[in-house]
Amino acid sequence: MSEPMHCYRHPRRETRVSCATCGRPICTECMRQTEVGIKCPEDARLPRGARAGAMKPNQILKTLLAGVGIAAVGIFVVAYILFALPFTLLISAAAGYGAGTLINRAGGRNGGTVAILTSVAATAIPFLVVLGPGVLEGIVNPIRLVAMVIAMIAAGVANRQL
């Protein structure tokens, strides 16, 4: 069984309840029942969606790990699949949106700045790895660069906040 925590407002009171938004431990006197669970008094006063984009450390870690995984798999996809198929621009938009959605969901669907930047970077890295040598030599197809930009935009859009 887990160790009891202590209320952040009343340090002498043991509790096993924590705020659904910020995760701080709260006692029965401090807890506020809301539509989305039990919250601390500060978070219960905020309008719904006011903490959107505020990510906890474990959500940031999951977002970054998902970004690394997407980038690693993306190198193979860009190098061997994406440019071999017709409709490269459309497929790159779909791939970018899918990558952004996976990273968004891995991070708890907060869609914060970290998730957006991770999605855009994880989508751009495979293109840069594959296209980098051609860009340095000046022999890259401009459509492939446009495909990279479209994929990056789609990844960022996947993390938008509604």
C-alpha atoms as a PDB file:
ATOM      1  CA  MET A   1       0.000   0.000   0.000  1.00  0.00           C
ATOM      2  CA  SER A   2       1.285   3.507  -0.736  1.00  0.00           C
ATOM      3  CA  GLU A   3       2.533   5.789   1.975  1.00  0.00           C
ATOM      4  CA  PRO A   4       0.055   8.432   3.102  1.00  0.00           C
ATOM      5  CA  MET A   5       0.727  11.939   1.894  1.00  0.00           C
ATOM      6  CA  HIS A   6       0.159  15.154   3.819  1.00  0.00           C
ATOM      7  CA  CYS A   7      -2.155  17.956   2.741  1.00  0.00           C
ATOM      8  CA  TYR A   8      -0.224  20.827   1.193  1.00  0.00           C
ATOM      9  CA  ARG A   9      -2.357  23.340   3.138  1.00  0.00           C
ATOM     10  CA  HIS A  10      -2.529  21.333   6.394  1.00  0.00           C
ATOM     11  CA  PRO A  11       0.818  19.512   6.754  1.00  0.00           C
ATOM     12  CA  ARG A  12      -0.255  17.562   9.854  1.00  0.00           C
ATOM     13  CA  ARG A  13      -3.218  15.904   8.096  1.00  0.00           C
ATOM     14  CA  GLU A  14      -2.613  12.634   6.323  1.00  0.00           C
ATOM     15  CA  THR A  15      -4.451  11.997   3.074  1.00  0.00           C
ATOM     16  CA  ARG A  16      -4.532   9.622   0.132  1.00  0.00           C
ATOM     17  CA  VAL A  17      -6.306  12.091  -2.148  1.00  0.00           C
ATOM     18  CA  SER A  18      -4.612  14.406  -4.629  1.00  0.00           C
ATOM     19  CA  CYS A  19      -5.845  17.153  -6.948  1.00  0.00           C
ATOM     20  CA  ALA A  20      -6.877  15.872 -10.383  1.00  0.00           C
ATOM     21  CA  THR A  21      -5.223  18.869 -12.050  1.00  0.00           C
ATOM     22  CA  CYS A  22      -1.982  19.667 -10.226  1.00  0.00           C
ATOM     23  CA  GLY A  23      -1.476  16.442  -8.273  1.00  0.00           C
ATOM     24  CA  ARG A  24      -0.911  18.096  -4.892  1.00  0.00           C
ATOM     25  CA  PRO A  25      -2.157  16.069  -1.884  1.00  0.00           C
ATOM     26  CA  ILE A  26      -5.338  17.493  -0.313  1.00  0.00           C
ATOM     27  CA  CYS A  27      -7.315  16.632   2.805  1.00  0.00           C
ATOM     28  CA  THR A  28     -11.083  16.219   2.998  1.00  0.00           C
ATOM     29  CA  GLU A  29     -11.514  19.799   4.158  1.00  0.00           C
ATOM     30  CA  CYS A  30      -9.595  21.221   1.188  1.00  0.00           C
ATOM     31  CA  MET A  31     -10.967  19.002  -1.582  1.00  0.00           C
ATOM     32  CA  ARG A  32     -13.536  20.433  -3.978  1.00  0.00           C
ATOM     33  CA  GLN A  33     -15.714  18.149  -6.095  1.00  0.00           C
ATOM     34  CA  THR A  34     -15.883  19.290  -9.737  1.00  0.00           C
ATOM     35  CA  GLU A  35     -17.239  17.834 -12.984  1.00  0.00           C
ATOM     36  CA  VAL A  36     -13.851  16.303 -13.752  1.00  0.00           C
ATOM     37  CA  GLY A  37     -12.873  15.017 -10.319  1.00  0.00           C
ATOM     38  CA  ILE A  38     -11.585  16.209  -6.983  1.00  0.00           C
ATOM     39  CA  LYS A  39      -9.459  19.356  -7.080  1.00  0.00           C
ATOM     40  CA  CYS A  40      -7.617  21.631  -4.704  1.00  0.00           C
ATOM     41  CA  PRO A  41      -9.264  24.980  -3.912  1.00  0.00           C
ATOM     42  CA  GLU A  42      -6.959  26.932  -6.263  1.00  0.00           C
ATOM     43  CA  ASP A  43      -7.603  24.714  -9.292  1.00  0.00           C
ATOM     44  CA  ALA A  44     -11.318  24.423  -8.552  1.00  0.00           C
ATOM     45  CA  ARG A  45     -11.621  28.220  -8.885  1.00  0.00           C
ATOM     46  CA  LEU A  46      -9.965  28.314 -12.312  1.00  0.00           C
ATOM     47  CA  PRO A  47     -12.242  28.263 -15.351  1.00  0.00           C
ATOM     48  CA  ARG A  48     -12.263  25.027 -17.294  1.00  0.00           C
ATOM     49  CA  GLY A  49      -9.314  24.827 -19.655  1.00  0.00           C
ATOM     50  CA  ALA A  50      -7.299  27.477 -17.786  1.00  0.00           C
ATOM     51  CA  ARG A  51      -4.502  24.962 -17.134  1.00  0.00           C
ATOM     52  CA  ALA A  52      -4.484  23.578 -20.670  1.00  0.00           C
ATOM     53  CA  GLY A  53      -0.914  23.365 -21.816  1.00  0.00           C
ATOM     54  CA  ALA A  54       0.481  23.122 -18.284  1.00  0.00           C
ATOM     55  CA  MET A  55       2.276  19.806 -18.259  1.00  0.00           C
ATOM     56  CA  LYS A  56       3.465  17.751 -15.304  1.00  0.00           C
ATOM     57  CA  PRO A  57       7.056  16.439 -15.333  1.00  0.00           C
ATOM     58  CA  ASN A  58       5.974  12.889 -16.201  1.00  0.00           C
ATOM     59  CA  GLN A  59       3.904  14.219 -19.116  1.00  0.00           C
ATOM     60  CA  ILE A  60       6.903  16.172 -20.404  1.00  0.00           C
ATOM     61  CA  LEU A  61       9.029  13.036 -20.190  1.00  0.00           C
ATOM     62  CA  LYS A  62       6.438  10.970 -22.063  1.00  0.00           C
ATOM     63  CA  THR A  63       6.141  13.682 -24.709  1.00  0.00           C
ATOM     64  CA  LEU A  64       9.898  13.820 -25.242  1.00  0.00           C
ATOM     65  CA  LEU A  65      10.212  10.019 -25.359  1.00  0.00           C
ATOM     66  CA  ALA A  66       7.393   9.820 -27.887  1.00  0.00           C
ATOM     67  CA  GLY A  67       9.148  12.502 -29.937  1.00  0.00           C
ATOM     68  CA  VAL A  68      12.399  10.526 -29.963  1.00  0.00           C
ATOM     69  CA  GLY A  69      10.515   7.388 -31.022  1.00  0.00           C
ATOM     70  CA  ILE A  70       8.638   9.218 -33.775  1.00  0.00           C
ATOM     71  CA  ALA A  71      11.881  10.736 -35.072  1.00  0.00           C
ATOM     72  CA  ALA A  72      13.643   7.359 -35.080  1.00  0.00           C
ATOM     73  CA  VAL A  73      10.836   5.594 -36.932  1.00  0.00           C
ATOM     74  CA  GLY A  74      10.342   8.644 -39.136  1.00  0.00           C
ATOM     75  CA  ILE A  75      13.830   8.359 -40.614  1.00  0.00           C
ATOM     76  CA  PHE A  76      12.931   4.966 -42.059  1.00  0.00           C
ATOM     77  CA  VAL A  77       9.509   6.155 -43.223  1.00  0.00           C
ATOM     78  CA  VAL A  78      10.872   9.254 -44.968  1.00  0.00           C
ATOM     79  CA  ALA A  79      13.863   7.479 -46.510  1.00  0.00           C
ATOM     80  CA  TYR A  80      12.163   4.355 -47.822  1.00  0.00           C
ATOM     81  CA  ILE A  81       8.415   4.911 -47.983  1.00  0.00           C
ATOM     82  CA  LEU A  82       7.309   8.544 -48.220  1.00  0.00           C
ATOM     83  CA  PHE A  83       9.256   9.649 -51.276  1.00  0.00           C
ATOM     84  CA  ALA A  84       8.605   6.349 -53.069  1.00  0.00           C
ATOM     85  CA  LEU A  85       4.827   6.877 -53.108  1.00  0.00           C
ATOM     86  CA  PRO A  86       2.707   9.195 -55.242  1.00  0.00           C
ATOM     87  CA  PHE A  87       0.935  12.148 -53.591  1.00  0.00           C
ATOM     88  CA  THR A  88       3.984  12.918 -51.446  1.00  0.00           C
ATOM     89  CA  LEU A  89       2.580  16.217 -50.162  1.00  0.00           C
ATOM     90  CA  LEU A  90      -0.717  14.695 -49.069  1.00  0.00           C
ATOM     91  CA  ILE A  91       0.962  11.724 -47.438  1.00  0.00           C
ATOM     92  CA  SER A  92       3.465  13.959 -45.640  1.00  0.00           C
ATOM     93  CA  ALA A  93       0.590  16.041 -44.241  1.00  0.00           C
ATOM     94  CA  ALA A  94      -1.124  12.901 -42.970  1.00  0.00           C
ATOM     95  CA  ALA A  95       2.131  11.533 -41.518  1.00  0.00           C
ATOM     96  CA  GLY A  96       2.890  14.839 -39.784  1.00  0.00           C
ATOM     97  CA  TYR A  97      -0.603  15.040 -38.329  1.00  0.00           C
ATOM     98  CA  GLY A  98      -0.384  11.438 -37.151  1.00  0.00           C
ATOM     99  CA  ALA A  99       2.996  12.045 -35.525  1.00  0.00           C
ATOM    100  CA  GLY A 100       1.686  15.159 -33.792  1.00  0.00           C
ATOM    101  CA  THR A 101      -1.386  13.302 -32.558  1.00  0.00           C
ATOM    102  CA  LEU A 102       0.705  10.461 -31.116  1.00  0.00           C
ATOM    103  CA  ILE A 103       2.970  12.896 -29.293  1.00  0.00           C
ATOM    104  CA  ASN A 104      -0.048  14.867 -28.050  1.00  0.00           C
ATOM    105  CA  ARG A 105      -1.685  11.730 -26.654  1.00  0.00           C
ATOM    106  CA  ALA A 106       1.557  10.474 -25.112  1.00  0.00           C
ATOM    107  CA  GLY A 107       1.804  13.734 -23.158  1.00  0.00           C
ATOM    108  CA  GLY A 108      -1.711  13.578 -21.772  1.00  0.00           C
ATOM    109  CA  ARG A 109      -3.440  15.638 -24.476  1.00  0.00           C
ATOM    110  CA  ASN A 110      -2.440  18.983 -22.985  1.00  0.00           C
ATOM    111  CA  GLY A 111      -1.151  20.404 -26.251  1.00  0.00           C
ATOM    112  CA  GLY A 112       1.259  22.763 -24.559  1.00  0.00           C
ATOM    113  CA  THR A 113       4.297  24.461 -26.005  1.00  0.00           C
ATOM    114  CA  VAL A 114       6.508  21.470 -25.185  1.00  0.00           C
ATOM    115  CA  ALA A 115       4.199  19.115 -27.099  1.00  0.00           C
ATOM    116  CA  ILE A 116       3.987  21.424 -30.100  1.00  0.00           C
ATOM    117  CA  LEU A 117       7.752  21.984 -30.315  1.00  0.00           C
ATOM    118  CA  THR A 118       8.444  18.271 -29.806  1.00  0.00           C
ATOM    119  CA  SER A 119       5.982  17.361 -32.553  1.00  0.00           C
ATOM    120  CA  VAL A 120       7.459  19.833 -35.017  1.00  0.00           C
ATOM    121  CA  ALA A 121      11.052  18.815 -34.220  1.00  0.00           C
ATOM    122  CA  ALA A 122      10.286  15.077 -34.309  1.00  0.00           C
ATOM    123  CA  THR A 123       8.661  15.545 -37.710  1.00  0.00           C
ATOM    124  CA  ALA A 124      11.473  17.706 -39.110  1.00  0.00           C
ATOM    125  CA  ILE A 125      14.401  15.559 -37.955  1.00  0.00           C
ATOM    126  CA  PRO A 126      13.722  12.596 -40.285  1.00  0.00           C
ATOM    127  CA  PHE A 127      13.408  14.927 -43.274  1.00  0.00           C
ATOM    128  CA  LEU A 128      16.610  16.746 -42.320  1.00  0.00           C
ATOM    129  CA  VAL A 129      18.504  13.474 -41.919  1.00  0.00           C
ATOM    130  CA  VAL A 130      17.333  12.190 -45.303  1.00  0.00           C
ATOM    131  CA  LEU A 131      17.482  15.472 -47.212  1.00  0.00           C
ATOM    132  CA  GLY A 132      20.492  17.005 -45.444  1.00  0.00           C
ATOM    133  CA  PRO A 133      23.225  15.663 -47.722  1.00  0.00           C
ATOM    134  CA  GLY A 134      21.308  16.758 -50.832  1.00  0.00           C
ATOM    135  CA  VAL A 135      20.712  20.224 -49.410  1.00  0.00           C
ATOM    136  CA  LEU A 136      24.420  20.640 -48.658  1.00  0.00           C
ATOM    137  CA  GLU A 137      25.301  19.625 -52.226  1.00  0.00           C
ATOM    138  CA  GLY A 138      22.503  21.752 -53.677  1.00  0.00           C
ATOM    139  CA  ILE A 139      20.753  18.852 -55.423  1.00  0.00           C
ATOM    140  CA  VAL A 140      17.499  18.435 -53.530  1.00  0.00           C
ATOM    141  CA  ASN A 141      14.044  18.371 -55.071  1.00  0.00           C
ATOM    142  CA  PRO A 142      12.076  21.438 -53.828  1.00  0.00           C
ATOM    143  CA  ILE A 143       8.918  19.323 -53.530  1.00  0.00           C
ATOM    144  CA  ARG A 144      10.642  17.319 -50.808  1.00  0.00           C
ATOM    145  CA  LEU A 145      11.373  20.497 -48.850  1.00  0.00           C
ATOM    146  CA  VAL A 146       7.750  21.571 -49.241  1.00  0.00           C
ATOM    147  CA  ALA A 147       6.697  18.114 -48.001  1.00  0.00           C
ATOM    148  CA  MET A 148       8.851  18.657 -44.889  1.00  0.00           C
ATOM    149  CA  VAL A 149       7.252  22.039 -44.173  1.00  0.00           C
ATOM    150  CA  ILE A 150       3.743  20.636 -44.677  1.00  0.00           C
ATOM    151  CA  ALA A 151       4.488  17.732 -42.320  1.00  0.00           C
ATOM    152  CA  MET A 152       5.848  20.129 -39.680  1.00  0.00           C
ATOM    153  CA  ILE A 153       2.773  22.364 -39.893  1.00  0.00           C
ATOM    154  CA  ALA A 154       0.454  19.352 -39.674  1.00  0.00           C
ATOM    155  CA  ALA A 155       2.320  18.069 -36.593  1.00  0.00           C
ATOM    156  CA  GLY A 156       1.931  21.438 -34.886  1.00  0.00           C
ATOM    157  CA  VAL A 157      -1.752  21.646 -35.798  1.00  0.00           C
ATOM    158  CA  ALA A 158      -2.334  18.201 -34.250  1.00  0.00           C
ATOM    159  CA  ASN A 159      -1.413  19.718 -30.866  1.00  0.00           C
ATOM    160  CA  ARG A 160      -3.734  22.706 -31.068  1.00  0.00           C
ATOM    161  CA  GLN A 161      -5.874  23.593 -28.082  1.00  0.00           C
ATOM    162  CA  LEU A 162      -9.601  23.823 -28.577  1.00  0.00           C
END
